[in-house]
Protein backbone atom coordinates (compact mmCIF):
# COMPACT_ATOMS: atom_id res chain seq x y z
CA MET A 1 175.10 36.35 95.53
CA ASP A 2 172.38 35.38 98.02
CA ILE A 3 168.98 35.52 96.27
CA LEU A 4 167.29 37.05 99.34
CA PHE A 5 169.91 39.81 99.47
CA LEU A 6 169.49 40.40 95.74
CA TRP A 7 165.68 40.60 96.10
CA ARG A 8 165.87 43.04 99.01
CA ALA A 9 168.46 45.19 97.24
CA GLN A 10 166.96 45.36 93.76
CA ALA A 11 163.27 44.46 93.77
CA PRO A 12 161.73 47.39 95.67
CA GLN A 13 162.47 49.96 92.97
CA LEU A 14 160.68 47.77 90.40
CA PHE A 15 157.48 48.29 92.41
CA ASP A 16 157.81 52.07 92.88
CA VAL A 17 154.65 54.00 92.03
CA VAL A 18 154.57 57.78 91.82
CA ILE A 19 151.25 59.48 91.16
CA PRO A 20 151.53 63.23 90.61
CA ARG A 21 149.82 65.23 93.38
CA GLN A 22 147.24 66.77 91.02
CA ALA A 23 146.27 63.40 89.53
CA ALA A 24 145.97 61.85 93.00
CA GLY A 25 143.81 64.77 94.13
CA ARG A 26 141.49 64.37 91.14
CA ALA A 27 141.21 60.63 91.85
CA ILE A 28 140.28 61.33 95.48
CA GLU A 29 137.67 63.86 94.41
CA THR A 30 136.19 61.44 91.86
CA TYR A 31 136.08 58.61 94.38
CA ALA A 32 134.57 60.79 97.10
CA ALA A 33 131.87 62.06 94.72
CA SER A 34 131.02 58.49 93.66
CA GLN A 35 130.55 57.54 97.33
CA ALA A 36 128.76 60.77 98.32
CA ILE A 37 131.41 61.55 100.94
CA ALA A 38 133.61 64.58 101.57
CA ALA A 39 136.87 64.66 99.63
CA GLN A 40 138.60 67.15 101.94
CA PRO A 41 139.90 64.65 104.56
CA GLY A 42 141.48 62.54 101.84
CA LEU A 43 142.93 65.58 100.10
CA ALA A 44 144.36 66.84 103.38
CA ALA A 45 145.90 63.41 104.06
CA LEU A 46 147.49 63.47 100.62
CA GLY A 47 149.58 66.50 101.51
CA PRO A 48 151.46 68.70 99.05
CA ASP A 49 153.76 66.05 97.54
CA ASP A 50 153.30 63.39 94.88
CA LEU A 51 151.80 60.14 96.13
CA ARG A 52 154.50 57.45 96.45
CA PHE A 53 154.11 53.81 97.42
CA HIS A 54 155.09 50.29 96.41
CA ALA A 55 152.73 48.47 94.05
CA ILE A 56 151.09 45.19 94.94
CA ALA A 57 152.42 43.50 91.76
CA LEU A 58 153.79 44.03 88.28
CA ASP A 59 151.71 43.47 85.18
CA ALA A 60 152.84 41.21 82.31
CA SER A 61 154.99 44.01 80.84
CA GLY A 62 156.70 44.68 84.20
CA THR A 63 154.77 47.88 84.95
CA PRO A 64 153.76 48.36 88.60
CA ILE A 65 150.03 47.92 89.27
CA PRO A 66 149.17 51.05 91.30
CA VAL A 67 147.53 49.34 94.27
CA MET A 68 149.25 49.67 97.65
CA HIS A 69 150.00 46.50 99.60
CA SER A 70 150.71 45.76 103.25
CA ASP A 71 154.26 44.46 102.82
CA GLU A 72 155.65 47.73 104.14
CA GLY A 73 154.65 46.57 107.62
CA PHE A 74 156.55 43.31 107.15
CA ALA A 75 159.61 45.21 105.98
CA LEU A 76 159.51 47.33 109.14
CA LEU A 77 159.12 44.23 111.30
CA PHE A 78 161.60 41.83 109.70
CA ALA A 79 164.07 43.90 107.67
CA GLU A 80 166.52 46.61 108.56
CA PRO A 81 165.37 49.49 106.37
CA ASP A 82 167.30 52.73 106.24
CA ALA A 83 165.77 55.95 107.60
CA GLU A 84 164.43 57.06 104.20
CA ARG A 85 162.59 53.77 103.66
CA VAL A 86 161.16 53.85 107.20
CA ASP A 87 159.89 57.41 106.65
CA ARG A 88 158.33 56.48 103.31
CA ALA A 89 156.68 53.34 104.70
CA VAL A 90 155.26 55.08 107.76
CA THR A 91 153.96 57.98 105.68
CA VAL A 92 152.10 55.57 103.39
CA LEU A 93 150.76 53.41 106.21
CA ILE A 94 149.29 56.23 108.30
CA ARG A 95 147.68 58.15 105.44
CA LEU A 96 143.90 58.45 105.79
CA PHE A 97 142.09 56.74 102.92
CA PRO A 98 139.39 56.46 101.95
CA PRO A 99 138.25 59.79 103.31
CA ALA A 100 135.89 59.51 106.25
């Protein structure tokens, strides 16, 4: 099997990060308070669902490191993602953060 095909088919799910909506909201509020800025724009950008994105890397145990990366843009440009992946990538890329 072509290694590039294998990577594209199986690697993305290894990098999946899901942060429950309440935990993400608390993190936004904590960050906003530490920067003396309003949390509301970030909370509104979060929306009602859990926060989902692809991690920048995996740690030594294979756990995703919950930092978003910019590879979603490359996937949109060079790959042929299905509609679900396009929707997920665009949702992540246009989300307002940090709050203004």
